[in-house]
Amino acid sequence: MKAVLKILLLLIFLPVLIYVLAAIAGMLIPVNSDFQETKDGVKIYLQTSDVHTDIVVPLKNDLKDWEENISLQHSLSGVPGARYITFGWGDLGFYKNTPQWEDLTLKTGFQALFLKSPAALHLEFSAVPPSAKETIIIEISRDQYLKLTNFIENSFDLDAEGNVQSIPDLHYTTRDAFYKAKGSLSLFKTCNTWTNNGLKTAGLKACLWTPFTEGILYTYR
């Protein structure tokens, strides 16, 4: 009986251990390690929390006007005076059922991580750039910024006419909106993996793979 129990425990904990070790290894392997910030370049921001990361960029500059893709009227307020836009990628069901972390249930977490389900982009609009202590500020070249915006654009799930698809009646505040997105969240592709992939694609400093915020924090701090 003890031998069977040991085998069961091994079957449970061994995959977890392998996953954590793989995440640590992916975090420690640098990508684009020769990246240097561009003096007087385009400022972008990485917002981090304990488990989630977002990319913040200007709403409009001479390289990209995001209002050509999305409408501020998809928010509840229209967000007058907005100058910055925050992008976060994740599981649509998770976004719907977990507006606050205390709303998280085992069922929602299991469905998001282990079942194939649609993804969404969460956009937030603000008049000022993020200033929280956890914010990472990066100045990048014009070419790198265009690559980053192209990555974000390609994350939207477009309709047959090539337009973004807003998700009505889903809001956390009066200054945000949700859109259908490509892909599906899993243990191996999380919101942080999406952020890290965007950095890699743009030629910015990143790690090989990370499902956790720590991979991005380690890379930049």
Protein backbone atom coordinates (compact mmCIF):
# COMPACT_ATOMS: atom_id res chain seq x y z
CA MET A 1 0.00 0.00 0.00
CA LYS A 2 2.82 2.39 0.88
CA ALA A 3 4.53 1.63 -2.43
CA VAL A 4 1.35 2.45 -4.35
CA LEU A 5 0.98 5.71 -2.42
CA LYS A 6 4.57 6.66 -3.21
CA ILE A 7 3.99 6.00 -6.91
CA LEU A 8 0.82 8.10 -6.87
CA LEU A 9 2.60 10.97 -5.15
CA LEU A 10 5.44 10.71 -7.65
CA LEU A 11 2.99 10.82 -10.57
CA ILE A 12 1.39 13.93 -9.10
CA PHE A 13 4.46 15.90 -8.09
CA LEU A 14 6.96 14.90 -10.77
CA PRO A 15 5.15 16.77 -13.61
CA VAL A 16 4.89 19.82 -11.34
CA LEU A 17 8.60 19.68 -10.58
CA ILE A 18 9.50 19.30 -14.26
CA TYR A 19 7.25 22.27 -15.15
CA VAL A 20 8.81 24.51 -12.51
CA LEU A 21 12.35 23.51 -13.51
CA ALA A 22 11.54 24.14 -17.19
CA ALA A 23 10.16 27.59 -16.28
CA ILE A 24 13.32 28.43 -14.33
CA ALA A 25 15.53 27.24 -17.19
CA GLY A 26 13.52 29.24 -19.73
CA MET A 27 13.74 32.32 -17.53
CA LEU A 28 17.54 32.04 -17.23
CA ILE A 29 18.17 31.75 -20.98
CA PRO A 30 18.34 35.27 -22.43
CA VAL A 31 17.02 36.32 -25.84
CA ASN A 32 18.13 39.53 -27.57
CA SER A 33 20.68 40.01 -24.80
CA ASP A 34 22.51 42.64 -26.87
CA PHE A 35 19.49 44.96 -26.72
CA GLN A 36 20.28 48.55 -25.84
CA GLU A 37 17.70 51.19 -25.09
CA THR A 38 17.34 53.99 -27.64
CA LYS A 39 18.01 57.49 -26.35
CA ASP A 40 14.93 59.66 -26.97
CA GLY A 41 13.19 56.62 -28.40
CA VAL A 42 9.57 55.51 -28.03
CA LYS A 43 8.71 54.84 -24.40
CA ILE A 44 6.79 51.67 -23.64
CA TYR A 45 5.85 50.31 -20.24
CA LEU A 46 5.54 46.85 -18.74
CA GLN A 47 3.01 46.64 -15.94
CA THR A 48 3.50 43.74 -13.58
CA SER A 49 1.58 42.25 -10.70
CA ASP A 50 2.11 39.04 -8.79
CA VAL A 51 0.79 36.91 -11.65
CA HIS A 52 0.08 39.11 -14.66
CA THR A 53 1.87 41.44 -17.08
CA ASP A 54 0.60 44.07 -19.52
CA ILE A 55 2.19 46.13 -22.28
CA VAL A 56 1.45 49.88 -22.26
CA VAL A 57 2.08 52.05 -25.33
CA PRO A 58 1.02 55.49 -26.58
CA LEU A 59 -2.52 55.58 -27.92
CA LYS A 60 -1.28 57.61 -30.86
CA ASN A 61 2.04 58.79 -32.27
CA ASP A 62 3.51 59.31 -35.73
CA LEU A 63 4.14 55.56 -36.07
CA LYS A 64 0.84 54.11 -34.93
CA ASP A 65 -2.68 55.36 -34.22
CA TRP A 66 -4.53 52.62 -32.35
CA GLU A 67 -7.87 54.29 -33.02
CA GLU A 68 -7.50 53.02 -36.58
CA ASN A 69 -8.00 49.53 -35.10
CA ILE A 70 -10.18 50.00 -32.04
CA SER A 71 -12.75 52.52 -30.83
CA LEU A 72 -12.67 54.26 -27.46
CA GLN A 73 -16.46 54.10 -27.66
CA HIS A 74 -16.19 50.40 -26.91
CA SER A 75 -15.48 51.53 -23.34
CA LEU A 76 -18.33 52.71 -21.11
CA SER A 77 -17.08 56.30 -20.91
CA GLY A 78 -15.41 56.94 -24.27
CA VAL A 79 -12.35 57.89 -22.19
CA PRO A 80 -11.90 61.56 -23.14
CA GLY A 81 -8.28 62.66 -22.89
CA ALA A 82 -6.85 59.15 -23.22
CA ARG A 83 -3.20 59.10 -24.28
CA TYR A 84 -2.06 55.59 -23.36
CA ILE A 85 -3.39 52.13 -24.03
CA THR A 86 -2.71 48.97 -22.04
CA PHE A 87 -2.80 45.53 -23.64
CA GLY A 88 -3.17 42.30 -21.72
CA TRP A 89 -3.85 38.85 -23.18
CA GLY A 90 -5.63 36.03 -21.40
CA ASP A 91 -8.44 33.50 -21.23
CA LEU A 92 -11.88 34.93 -22.04
CA GLY A 93 -13.69 32.75 -19.49
CA PHE A 94 -11.16 33.73 -16.82
CA TYR A 95 -11.69 37.43 -17.59
CA LYS A 96 -15.47 37.02 -17.41
CA ASN A 97 -15.54 35.08 -14.16
CA THR A 98 -12.61 36.62 -12.27
CA PRO A 99 -12.82 40.44 -12.19
CA GLN A 100 -11.07 40.25 -8.80
CA TRP A 101 -8.67 37.55 -7.62
CA GLU A 102 -11.00 36.71 -4.75
CA ASP A 103 -13.52 35.65 -7.42
CA LEU A 104 -11.21 32.89 -8.67
CA THR A 105 -12.64 29.38 -8.39
CA LEU A 106 -11.03 26.01 -8.98
CA LYS A 107 -13.37 25.41 -11.92
CA THR A 108 -12.41 28.67 -13.64
CA GLY A 109 -8.70 28.09 -13.13
CA PHE A 110 -8.88 24.49 -14.34
CA GLN A 111 -10.83 25.42 -17.48
CA ALA A 112 -8.42 28.23 -18.31
CA LEU A 113 -5.26 26.14 -17.91
CA PHE A 114 -6.30 22.69 -19.10
CA LEU A 115 -9.22 23.09 -21.52
CA LYS A 116 -9.02 24.72 -24.94
CA SER A 117 -11.05 27.92 -24.72
CA PRO A 118 -11.12 31.30 -26.50
CA ALA A 119 -8.74 34.10 -25.58
CA ALA A 120 -9.31 37.83 -25.20
CA LEU A 121 -7.35 41.05 -25.17
CA HIS A 122 -8.07 43.40 -22.29
CA LEU A 123 -7.49 47.04 -23.20
CA GLU A 124 -7.37 49.88 -20.69
CA PHE A 125 -7.14 53.57 -21.57
CA SER A 126 -5.54 56.31 -19.48
CA ALA A 127 -4.47 59.94 -19.69
CA VAL A 128 -1.13 59.36 -17.98
CA PRO A 129 1.50 56.63 -18.22
CA PRO A 130 1.64 54.01 -15.47
CA SER A 131 3.65 55.09 -12.45
CA ALA A 132 3.40 52.16 -10.07
CA LYS A 133 6.60 50.90 -8.46
CA GLU A 134 6.32 47.65 -10.39
CA THR A 135 6.27 49.44 -13.78
CA ILE A 136 9.23 48.83 -16.12
CA ILE A 137 9.98 51.67 -18.56
CA ILE A 138 11.84 50.90 -21.80
CA GLU A 139 12.89 53.29 -24.57
CA ILE A 140 12.97 51.52 -27.92
CA SER A 141 13.73 52.37 -31.53
CA ARG A 142 11.10 53.21 -34.11
CA ASP A 143 11.66 49.91 -35.90
CA GLN A 144 11.32 47.96 -32.65
CA TYR A 145 8.12 49.82 -31.83
CA LEU A 146 6.62 48.96 -35.22
CA LYS A 147 7.49 45.30 -34.69
CA LEU A 148 5.85 45.39 -31.26
CA THR A 149 2.66 47.04 -32.53
CA ASN A 150 2.51 44.52 -35.37
CA PHE A 151 2.73 41.68 -32.84
CA ILE A 152 -0.13 43.18 -30.82
CA GLU A 153 -2.23 43.79 -33.94
CA ASN A 154 -1.75 40.17 -34.99
CA SER A 155 -3.08 39.04 -31.59
CA PHE A 156 -6.60 40.30 -32.40
CA ASP A 157 -9.05 37.73 -33.77
CA LEU A 158 -10.55 39.60 -36.73
CA ASP A 159 -13.94 39.09 -38.34
CA ALA A 160 -14.48 38.22 -42.02
CA GLU A 161 -14.12 41.90 -42.97
CA GLY A 162 -10.80 42.23 -41.14
CA ASN A 163 -12.15 44.23 -38.19
CA VAL A 164 -11.46 43.69 -34.50
CA GLN A 165 -14.31 42.12 -32.54
CA SER A 166 -15.24 43.85 -29.31
CA ILE A 167 -16.88 41.84 -26.52
CA PRO A 168 -19.95 43.78 -25.37
CA ASP A 169 -21.07 43.90 -21.75
CA LEU A 170 -17.67 42.90 -20.39
CA HIS A 171 -15.95 45.69 -18.46
CA TYR A 172 -14.02 46.07 -15.23
CA THR A 173 -14.13 49.88 -15.23
CA THR A 174 -15.53 52.69 -17.38
CA ARG A 175 -12.15 53.00 -19.09
CA ASP A 176 -11.59 49.53 -20.53
CA ALA A 177 -12.79 47.19 -23.27
CA PHE A 178 -12.33 43.56 -24.24
CA TYR A 179 -11.73 42.09 -27.71
CA LYS A 180 -11.62 38.59 -29.12
CA ALA A 181 -8.05 37.36 -29.48
CA LYS A 182 -6.17 34.59 -31.22
CA GLY A 183 -4.89 31.56 -29.38
CA SER A 184 -5.84 29.79 -26.20
CA LEU A 185 -4.34 30.08 -22.74
CA SER A 186 -2.63 27.01 -21.28
CA LEU A 187 0.09 26.02 -18.85
CA PHE A 188 2.60 26.73 -21.61
CA LYS A 189 1.08 29.94 -22.98
CA THR A 190 0.01 32.36 -20.29
CA CYS A 191 -0.46 36.12 -20.25
CA ASN A 192 3.22 36.41 -19.34
CA THR A 193 4.26 34.16 -22.22
CA TRP A 194 2.33 36.50 -24.54
CA THR A 195 4.13 39.56 -23.15
CA ASN A 196 7.51 37.84 -23.40
CA ASN A 197 6.76 36.78 -27.00
CA GLY A 198 5.96 40.38 -27.87
CA LEU A 199 9.29 41.53 -26.47
CA LYS A 200 11.15 38.79 -28.35
CA THR A 201 9.40 39.58 -31.63
CA ALA A 202 10.25 43.27 -31.32
CA GLY A 203 13.93 42.50 -30.72
CA LEU A 204 13.78 43.61 -27.09
CA LYS A 205 15.42 41.91 -24.15
CA ALA A 206 13.44 38.81 -23.17
CA CYS A 207 13.86 35.25 -21.95
CA LEU A 208 13.47 32.04 -23.89
CA TRP A 209 10.14 31.12 -22.25
CA THR A 210 8.25 32.05 -19.14
CA PRO A 211 4.74 31.34 -17.86
CA PHE A 212 5.37 33.58 -14.83
CA THR A 213 5.93 37.30 -14.20
CA GLU A 214 9.28 36.43 -12.61
CA GLY A 215 10.76 35.67 -16.03
CA ILE A 216 10.13 39.23 -17.21
CA LEU A 217 11.11 40.80 -13.89
CA TYR A 218 14.36 38.81 -13.86
CA THR A 219 15.15 39.89 -17.41
CA TYR A 220 14.75 43.60 -16.70
CA ARG A 221 15.76 43.87 -13.06
